[in-house]
Every structure is written in C-alpha cells, then in structure tokens.
C-alpha cells in the first residue's frame, strides 16, 4: 500500500536528487484573461506539478492520481484555507511594496512571486539526506529578498527590501522559521510524497523530435529548428552543430527553454540561421533515458523526424 507509513525509498526513482518546491505567484490586480489568475499556487515534486490552487477556483486540488488517492479530505480542506490566507497576505504585502516604491498610481500590472522548497540527495542505504533549501521572493521579475540557508540570514538585493530584511532578522520566530521548515518539515513532506508517488515518479517519457528548415530573410540561408516535445523529466540537452562545432548564443542560437505541455510532459524548441549549402546537425540527449538523436536539416521548408535508433 503506497499510501501507508513512510519507509526507506526502495523504488527505482529517476534522480539521485529529489526536490519539492512551492511556487506562489500574485498579480497586483485581476488581469481578466482566461487562464491567467490574480493568484496561483502549485506544488512541484521532481519537476512534476502535484497540486494546484488559483484565485478563481479558490480550491486546492490534486494534479496526480496518487495525490488524490493518498491524501484525505482534511489535507485538501486545510490546504485550501492556508492558501486563501497566503493569497490575502500577498495582496496586503503588495500594497505595502507599491507604496514603498512609489507605485501607488501605477496602472501597470506588478508581479510578486515566492518560491520555497528543499532538495534531498539519495544515500546508499536508500534514505534521503537534506542538501539545500530555497526561500526566495521576487518582485516584477527581479530578486527581492531571499534566505541564505548557510548563514541563516535574509539577504536584500534591493534597497526596497532592506526594511523587511531588518524586521524578519530581528523577530526570532520569523528568523528561525525558514531553516527549520526547509530542513525538517519540507523534507518530511518530500519523503512522504516520494513514498506515495512510488513507481509513478520513475516513469520516463522519451521526447518526440521534429526538425524544420524554413526560409530565412537571406536567400542563401535557412532557419534550422529542432523541437522536442512530450518528454519527462524536464532535464534535456539540445545542441545544434555545424562543421563539428556546437553553436552557441554568440552564433545566433535561440531557445524557448523547457516549457510545460500541461500533461506533465515538457517541450523545448531551439533554432539558428545557417547557410543552406552547409546544413547543420542536431544532437539531443534526454538525461533520464540516455536517448540521443542526430538529425540532418531537411531542405525546402520540409519537416523531418529525429531518428531515435542510435
């Protein structure tokens, strides 16, 4: 029974390291755009979303079958109440920050995000040992305040955060909370979720690889694009190579980065402009499966499929 008491991790898991991260994102006002919410919260286990909440539904919900199966209604009810409280805290604190930054008349949307979590490393005996933690706030895309786990102090990268840093460092309860939560509470939940998820978390999905060669502005060049989609976990490497040299950003390589598909798989698209008569090659490796592909660029805007039989 995977929903029973916690035990030594004795199932074949994908990573040597495992992480549990909570991400809370708040906007200064309701954008009134479908799918975009004033407040969202999610729990992420080894790059997989396991539970979710937003300001529209106002309910914490499971995103995996095993979370739904293993956690009792009390867990979801208490989680919903806690996230509603966090939603209100974000709203109040954002008003304080806007006033502190003289943004009270700003009609633009401002965004605040809090990321909190822990990472553990598997030991030879199957146990999980705390490695490091994360407790960081950002404001409008920039780092605002974060907890230095090694020195147990809050760090304020910007002047507007210094007042909050001083207050949190001086209040003993607030000062001691992050380290205790990250090293003890967060790790306990990480171990519990790994036990519940079991073999479901060891599932890997190979990427489907598509290659495109589209016309560039220059008639002598093509834009070579590689798209990998449907893979899990999210760690992946894509290299575009020409003349036995891996191209970089300095060569014009552009990447979307790894993005979620919405079904617990991921996608990534990389592209670069190269001469038509000297086609490049694509090297792709998905870290969890040791799967790789090498693809020559098709001509004339055709679409190709990667060859996984290497």
Foldseek 3Di string as FASTA:
>chain_A
DLLDDFDFQPFDFQDQKKKKKKKKKAKQDAPPDPPDARIKIFIAILQFTAWIDGPVVLWIDGPDPLCVVNDDPVVRVVVSVVVVVVRVVVNVVVCVLCVLVVNPVPPDMKMKMWMWMWMWGADPVRHTATDDIWTFMDIRPHTAWTADLVVLAIDGPDPSCVVVRVVQCPPPCSSPPRNCCHRPVRVVVNSSVCSSCGVVNRDWDFWWKKWWWAQDPDNQKTKIKIKTWDTPDQDKDKFKFFPNHTDDVVQVKDKPHWDDPPNRIIMIMIIGMDGPVGWIWMWMARVSPRWIFIDTHDPDGDMDTTDRPD
